Amino acid sequence: MRRGLVFGKFMPLHRGHQLLIDTALSQVDDLTIVVYDSRPDGRYPPMPVDKRLGWLRELYPDVEGIVALEDPEWDNPQRDDPKYAAEYAAAIEFLGHFDRSSRASLHTNASRTSWAPSMSSSTPRAR
């Protein structure tokens, strides 16, 4: 069985996220979606993680693994830097092995929204 992981803030959920999730669903047998409970940059008000979870659960009722986690670097403006990938990987280690992983991002950078094989048994690929 192939397991996949998509993780991000989904703040807000948009069509790019949906394309990434739909692509993941077409390539794996079991998908886990991790929603980081982050605070937005700047003066934007926080978007409740329960709202973001609700959107995903409504759109993807067959995905059982939609979970919220505290963002380990929520207060770090450089949190998107790949040097923090190991910290994020350690925070989701309890979820087990994933064959494929991807990080959803509000940035429209194709390298951050690609669907790629994991580099190791439990570490999502740093992008």
N, C-alpha and C. Protein backbone atom coordinates (compact mmCIF):
# COMPACT_ATOMS: atom_id res chain seq x y z
N MET A 1 0.84 -1.17 0.00
CA MET A 1 0.00 0.00 0.00
C MET A 1 0.89 1.24 0.00
N ARG A 2 0.60 2.17 -0.88
CA ARG A 2 1.37 3.42 -0.98
C ARG A 2 0.69 4.48 -0.13
N ARG A 3 1.48 5.10 0.77
CA ARG A 3 0.97 6.16 1.64
C ARG A 3 1.54 7.49 1.19
N GLY A 4 0.69 8.50 1.22
CA GLY A 4 1.11 9.84 0.83
C GLY A 4 0.83 10.86 1.92
N LEU A 5 1.55 11.96 1.86
CA LEU A 5 1.43 13.03 2.83
C LEU A 5 1.41 14.37 2.09
N VAL A 6 0.42 15.20 2.41
CA VAL A 6 0.39 16.59 1.96
C VAL A 6 0.30 17.42 3.22
N PHE A 7 1.17 18.41 3.36
CA PHE A 7 1.11 19.23 4.56
C PHE A 7 1.25 20.70 4.22
N GLY A 8 0.57 21.53 5.01
CA GLY A 8 0.61 22.96 4.79
C GLY A 8 -0.28 23.68 5.77
N LYS A 9 -0.43 24.98 5.55
CA LYS A 9 -1.28 25.80 6.42
C LYS A 9 -2.70 25.89 5.88
N PHE A 10 -2.86 25.83 4.56
CA PHE A 10 -4.18 25.91 3.92
C PHE A 10 -4.94 27.15 4.42
N MET A 11 -4.23 28.28 4.38
CA MET A 11 -4.75 29.51 4.97
C MET A 11 -4.73 30.62 3.91
N PRO A 12 -5.73 30.67 3.06
CA PRO A 12 -6.91 29.81 2.95
C PRO A 12 -6.66 28.66 1.98
N LEU A 13 -7.56 27.70 2.01
CA LEU A 13 -7.54 26.61 1.04
C LEU A 13 -7.89 27.20 -0.33
N HIS A 14 -7.14 26.83 -1.36
CA HIS A 14 -7.42 27.35 -2.71
C HIS A 14 -7.27 26.24 -3.74
N ARG A 15 -7.56 26.57 -4.99
CA ARG A 15 -7.56 25.56 -6.06
C ARG A 15 -6.19 24.90 -6.26
N GLY A 16 -5.13 25.63 -6.01
CA GLY A 16 -3.80 25.02 -6.11
C GLY A 16 -3.62 23.90 -5.09
N HIS A 17 -4.12 24.13 -3.86
CA HIS A 17 -4.08 23.08 -2.84
C HIS A 17 -4.91 21.88 -3.29
N GLN A 18 -6.10 22.18 -3.84
CA GLN A 18 -6.98 21.10 -4.28
C GLN A 18 -6.33 20.28 -5.40
N LEU A 19 -5.64 20.94 -6.33
CA LEU A 19 -4.95 20.22 -7.40
C LEU A 19 -3.87 19.31 -6.80
N LEU A 20 -3.13 19.82 -5.85
CA LEU A 20 -2.09 19.03 -5.21
C LEU A 20 -2.68 17.82 -4.50
N ILE A 21 -3.77 18.02 -3.75
CA ILE A 21 -4.41 16.92 -3.02
C ILE A 21 -5.01 15.92 -4.00
N ASP A 22 -5.69 16.40 -5.04
CA ASP A 22 -6.27 15.50 -6.04
C ASP A 22 -5.20 14.67 -6.74
N THR A 23 -4.06 15.29 -7.05
CA THR A 23 -2.95 14.56 -7.65
C THR A 23 -2.44 13.49 -6.70
N ALA A 24 -2.29 13.86 -5.45
CA ALA A 24 -1.83 12.90 -4.44
C ALA A 24 -2.81 11.72 -4.34
N LEU A 25 -4.09 12.01 -4.29
CA LEU A 25 -5.10 10.95 -4.18
C LEU A 25 -5.06 10.00 -5.37
N SER A 26 -4.69 10.51 -6.53
CA SER A 26 -4.63 9.65 -7.72
C SER A 26 -3.42 8.73 -7.72
N GLN A 27 -2.45 8.98 -6.83
CA GLN A 27 -1.20 8.23 -6.86
C GLN A 27 -0.93 7.39 -5.63
N VAL A 28 -1.78 7.48 -4.61
CA VAL A 28 -1.55 6.71 -3.39
C VAL A 28 -2.84 6.01 -2.98
N ASP A 29 -2.68 5.01 -2.10
CA ASP A 29 -3.83 4.29 -1.57
C ASP A 29 -4.37 4.94 -0.30
N ASP A 30 -3.49 5.60 0.43
CA ASP A 30 -3.86 6.22 1.71
C ASP A 30 -3.16 7.57 1.80
N LEU A 31 -3.95 8.62 2.03
CA LEU A 31 -3.38 9.97 2.09
C LEU A 31 -3.63 10.58 3.46
N THR A 32 -2.60 11.20 4.01
CA THR A 32 -2.73 11.99 5.24
C THR A 32 -2.50 13.44 4.87
N ILE A 33 -3.38 14.31 5.37
CA ILE A 33 -3.25 15.75 5.16
C ILE A 33 -3.01 16.38 6.52
N VAL A 34 -1.87 17.04 6.68
CA VAL A 34 -1.53 17.72 7.93
C VAL A 34 -1.75 19.21 7.73
N VAL A 35 -2.54 19.79 8.63
CA VAL A 35 -2.82 21.23 8.61
C VAL A 35 -2.07 21.84 9.79
N TYR A 36 -1.09 22.69 9.48
CA TYR A 36 -0.36 23.35 10.55
C TYR A 36 -1.16 24.51 11.11
N ASP A 37 -1.28 24.54 12.43
CA ASP A 37 -1.99 25.61 13.12
C ASP A 37 -1.04 26.79 13.27
N SER A 38 -0.89 27.52 12.18
CA SER A 38 0.04 28.65 12.12
C SER A 38 -0.71 29.96 12.25
N ARG A 39 0.03 30.98 12.54
CA ARG A 39 -0.51 32.32 12.53
C ARG A 39 -0.01 33.00 11.26
N PRO A 40 -0.84 33.80 10.63
CA PRO A 40 -0.39 34.43 9.38
C PRO A 40 0.65 35.52 9.63
N ASP A 41 1.45 35.76 8.62
CA ASP A 41 2.43 36.85 8.69
C ASP A 41 1.73 38.19 8.67
N GLY A 42 2.39 39.18 9.19
CA GLY A 42 1.86 40.54 9.13
C GLY A 42 0.70 40.78 10.07
N ARG A 43 -0.20 41.64 9.63
CA ARG A 43 -1.30 42.05 10.48
C ARG A 43 -2.59 41.27 10.22
N TYR A 44 -2.49 40.21 9.44
CA TYR A 44 -3.68 39.43 9.13
C TYR A 44 -4.16 38.68 10.37
N PRO A 45 -5.48 38.62 10.56
CA PRO A 45 -5.99 37.86 11.72
C PRO A 45 -5.81 36.36 11.49
N PRO A 46 -5.63 35.61 12.56
CA PRO A 46 -5.47 34.16 12.40
C PRO A 46 -6.75 33.53 11.85
N MET A 47 -6.59 32.49 11.07
CA MET A 47 -7.71 31.74 10.54
C MET A 47 -7.82 30.47 11.37
N PRO A 48 -8.93 30.25 12.05
CA PRO A 48 -9.04 29.09 12.95
C PRO A 48 -8.75 27.77 12.23
N VAL A 49 -7.93 26.96 12.87
CA VAL A 49 -7.57 25.68 12.27
C VAL A 49 -8.80 24.80 12.10
N ASP A 50 -9.79 24.92 12.98
CA ASP A 50 -11.00 24.11 12.83
C ASP A 50 -11.74 24.45 11.54
N LYS A 51 -11.71 25.69 11.13
CA LYS A 51 -12.33 26.10 9.87
C LYS A 51 -11.61 25.45 8.70
N ARG A 52 -10.27 25.49 8.74
CA ARG A 52 -9.48 24.90 7.66
C ARG A 52 -9.66 23.39 7.60
N LEU A 53 -9.72 22.75 8.77
CA LEU A 53 -9.99 21.31 8.81
C LEU A 53 -11.37 21.01 8.22
N GLY A 54 -12.34 21.85 8.56
CA GLY A 54 -13.70 21.66 8.06
C GLY A 54 -13.77 21.72 6.54
N TRP A 55 -13.07 22.69 5.95
CA TRP A 55 -13.04 22.80 4.50
C TRP A 55 -12.51 21.51 3.87
N LEU A 56 -11.38 21.03 4.41
CA LEU A 56 -10.76 19.83 3.86
C LEU A 56 -11.65 18.61 4.06
N ARG A 57 -12.24 18.47 5.21
CA ARG A 57 -13.11 17.31 5.49
C ARG A 57 -14.36 17.33 4.61
N GLU A 58 -14.86 18.53 4.32
CA GLU A 58 -16.04 18.64 3.45
C GLU A 58 -15.68 18.27 2.01
N LEU A 59 -14.54 18.73 1.53
CA LEU A 59 -14.12 18.44 0.15
C LEU A 59 -13.61 17.01 -0.03
N TYR A 60 -13.04 16.44 1.02
CA TYR A 60 -12.41 15.12 0.92
C TYR A 60 -12.94 14.20 2.03
N PRO A 61 -14.23 13.84 1.98
CA PRO A 61 -14.81 13.03 3.05
C PRO A 61 -14.21 11.62 3.14
N ASP A 62 -13.61 11.14 2.06
CA ASP A 62 -13.02 9.80 2.08
C ASP A 62 -11.60 9.77 2.64
N VAL A 63 -11.01 10.93 2.89
CA VAL A 63 -9.67 10.99 3.49
C VAL A 63 -9.84 10.96 5.00
N GLU A 64 -9.45 9.85 5.60
CA GLU A 64 -9.60 9.70 7.05
C GLU A 64 -8.53 10.45 7.83
N GLY A 65 -7.37 10.61 7.25
CA GLY A 65 -6.24 11.21 7.96
C GLY A 65 -6.08 12.69 7.69
N ILE A 66 -7.00 13.50 8.17
CA ILE A 66 -6.85 14.96 8.09
C ILE A 66 -6.65 15.43 9.52
N VAL A 67 -5.42 15.88 9.82
CA VAL A 67 -5.07 16.21 11.21
C VAL A 67 -4.47 17.59 11.32
N ALA A 68 -4.64 18.20 12.48
CA ALA A 68 -4.04 19.51 12.77
C ALA A 68 -2.86 19.31 13.71
N LEU A 69 -1.79 20.04 13.46
CA LEU A 69 -0.61 20.03 14.32
C LEU A 69 -0.15 21.46 14.54
N GLU A 70 0.38 21.73 15.71
CA GLU A 70 0.98 23.03 15.98
C GLU A 70 2.21 23.19 15.09
N ASP A 71 2.35 24.33 14.48
CA ASP A 71 3.52 24.61 13.64
C ASP A 71 4.72 24.81 14.57
N PRO A 72 5.75 23.95 14.48
CA PRO A 72 6.88 24.08 15.41
C PRO A 72 7.67 25.37 15.24
N GLU A 73 7.53 26.04 14.11
CA GLU A 73 8.26 27.29 13.86
C GLU A 73 7.30 28.44 13.60
N TRP A 74 6.13 28.42 14.20
CA TRP A 74 5.08 29.40 13.90
C TRP A 74 5.53 30.85 14.05
N ASP A 75 6.44 31.12 14.96
CA ASP A 75 6.86 32.49 15.21
C ASP A 75 8.16 32.88 14.49
N ASN A 76 8.63 32.01 13.63
CA ASN A 76 9.88 32.24 12.92
C ASN A 76 9.57 32.72 11.50
N PRO A 77 9.90 33.95 11.16
CA PRO A 77 9.60 34.44 9.81
C PRO A 77 10.36 33.69 8.71
N GLN A 78 11.39 32.96 9.08
CA GLN A 78 12.16 32.19 8.10
C GLN A 78 11.73 30.72 8.05
N ARG A 79 10.55 30.40 8.59
CA ARG A 79 10.13 29.00 8.73
C ARG A 79 10.03 28.23 7.41
N ASP A 80 9.92 28.93 6.28
CA ASP A 80 9.85 28.24 5.00
C ASP A 80 11.21 27.82 4.46
N ASP A 81 12.27 28.21 5.14
CA ASP A 81 13.62 27.84 4.72
C ASP A 81 13.82 26.33 4.88
N PRO A 82 14.36 25.67 3.87
CA PRO A 82 14.57 24.22 3.94
C PRO A 82 15.40 23.75 5.14
N LYS A 83 16.16 24.65 5.77
CA LYS A 83 16.97 24.22 6.91
C LYS A 83 16.11 23.76 8.09
N TYR A 84 14.80 24.07 8.07
CA TYR A 84 13.90 23.64 9.14
C TYR A 84 13.17 22.34 8.80
N ALA A 85 13.48 21.75 7.67
CA ALA A 85 12.79 20.53 7.24
C ALA A 85 12.91 19.40 8.26
N ALA A 86 14.08 19.24 8.85
CA ALA A 86 14.27 18.15 9.82
C ALA A 86 13.37 18.34 11.05
N GLU A 87 13.20 19.58 11.48
CA GLU A 87 12.34 19.85 12.62
C GLU A 87 10.88 19.50 12.29
N TYR A 88 10.44 19.88 11.10
CA TYR A 88 9.08 19.55 10.68
C TYR A 88 8.91 18.04 10.53
N ALA A 89 9.92 17.38 9.99
CA ALA A 89 9.87 15.92 9.84
C ALA A 89 9.77 15.24 11.20
N ALA A 90 10.52 15.72 12.17
CA ALA A 90 10.47 15.13 13.52
C ALA A 90 9.08 15.31 14.14
N ALA A 91 8.42 16.42 13.85
CA ALA A 91 7.10 16.69 14.42
C ALA A 91 6.02 15.76 13.88
N ILE A 92 6.24 15.18 12.70
CA ILE A 92 5.24 14.27 12.13
C ILE A 92 5.70 12.82 12.11
N GLU A 93 6.82 12.54 12.72
CA GLU A 93 7.38 11.19 12.72
C GLU A 93 6.38 10.15 13.24
N PHE A 94 5.55 10.55 14.21
CA PHE A 94 4.58 9.62 14.81
C PHE A 94 3.54 9.13 13.79
N LEU A 95 3.43 9.81 12.66
CA LEU A 95 2.47 9.40 11.64
C LEU A 95 2.96 8.20 10.83
N GLY A 96 4.24 7.88 10.92
CA GLY A 96 4.78 6.72 10.23
C GLY A 96 5.41 7.04 8.89
N HIS A 97 5.60 5.99 8.11
CA HIS A 97 6.28 6.05 6.81
C HIS A 97 5.35 6.58 5.73
N PHE A 98 5.88 7.41 4.84
CA PHE A 98 5.16 7.88 3.66
C PHE A 98 6.01 7.59 2.44
N ASP A 99 5.37 7.10 1.38
CA ASP A 99 6.07 6.83 0.14
C ASP A 99 6.25 8.09 -0.70
N ARG A 100 5.31 9.03 -0.55
CA ARG A 100 5.35 10.28 -1.31
C ARG A 100 4.90 11.40 -0.39
N SER A 101 5.47 12.59 -0.61
CA SER A 101 5.09 13.72 0.23
C SER A 101 5.18 15.02 -0.55
N SER A 102 4.43 16.01 -0.07
CA SER A 102 4.49 17.33 -0.67
C SER A 102 4.04 18.37 0.34
N ARG A 103 4.58 19.55 0.21
CA ARG A 103 4.20 20.66 1.08
C ARG A 103 3.39 21.65 0.27
N ALA A 104 2.20 21.92 0.74
CA ALA A 104 1.38 22.95 0.11
C ALA A 104 1.89 24.30 0.57
N SER A 105 1.88 25.26 -0.32
CA SER A 105 2.38 26.58 0.01
C SER A 105 1.54 27.65 -0.65
N LEU A 106 1.41 28.77 0.00
CA LEU A 106 0.71 29.89 -0.61
C LEU A 106 1.52 30.50 -1.74
N HIS A 107 2.81 30.23 -1.76
CA HIS A 107 3.66 30.76 -2.82
C HIS A 107 3.34 30.02 -4.11
N THR A 108 3.35 30.69 -5.21
CA THR A 108 3.07 30.04 -6.48
C THR A 108 4.37 29.57 -7.12
N ASN A 109 5.13 28.87 -6.36
CA ASN A 109 6.42 28.37 -6.81
C ASN A 109 6.25 26.88 -7.08
N ALA A 110 6.42 26.47 -8.32
CA ALA A 110 6.18 25.08 -8.69
C ALA A 110 7.02 24.11 -7.88
N SER A 111 8.21 24.51 -7.46
CA SER A 111 9.05 23.59 -6.70
C SER A 111 8.45 23.29 -5.33
N ARG A 112 7.62 24.17 -4.83
CA ARG A 112 7.01 23.94 -3.53
C ARG A 112 5.68 23.21 -3.63
N THR A 113 5.12 23.11 -4.81
CA THR A 113 3.83 22.47 -4.94
C THR A 113 3.91 21.17 -5.75
N SER A 114 5.10 20.67 -5.97
CA SER A 114 5.23 19.43 -6.71
C SER A 114 5.00 18.23 -5.80
N TRP A 115 4.67 17.14 -6.37
CA TRP A 115 4.39 15.90 -5.67
C TRP A 115 5.59 15.02 -5.90
N ALA A 116 6.33 14.67 -4.86
CA ALA A 116 7.60 13.98 -5.06
C ALA A 116 7.77 12.83 -4.10
N PRO A 117 8.54 11.81 -4.49
CA PRO A 117 8.84 10.72 -3.57
C PRO A 117 9.59 11.24 -2.34
N SER A 118 9.34 10.60 -1.21
CA SER A 118 10.07 10.97 0.00
C SER A 118 11.52 10.58 -0.15
N MET A 119 12.37 11.32 0.55
CA MET A 119 13.80 11.03 0.49
C MET A 119 14.18 9.87 1.39
N SER A 120 13.43 9.64 2.45
CA SER A 120 13.71 8.53 3.35
C SER A 120 12.40 7.97 3.86
N SER A 121 12.47 7.00 4.73
CA SER A 121 11.27 6.30 5.15
C SER A 121 10.27 7.17 5.89
N SER A 122 10.70 8.15 6.67
CA SER A 122 9.72 8.94 7.41
C SER A 122 9.89 10.44 7.26
N THR A 123 10.83 10.86 6.44
CA THR A 123 11.09 12.29 6.33
C THR A 123 10.51 12.84 5.04
N PRO A 124 9.63 13.86 5.15
CA PRO A 124 9.15 14.46 3.93
C PRO A 124 10.28 15.17 3.19
N ARG A 125 10.18 15.21 1.92
CA ARG A 125 11.21 15.84 1.11
C ARG A 125 11.24 17.34 1.36
N ALA A 126 12.39 17.87 1.70
CA ALA A 126 12.54 19.31 1.90
C ALA A 126 12.56 19.96 0.53
N ARG A 127 11.73 21.00 0.34
CA ARG A 127 11.62 21.63 -0.96
C ARG A 127 11.96 23.07 -0.83
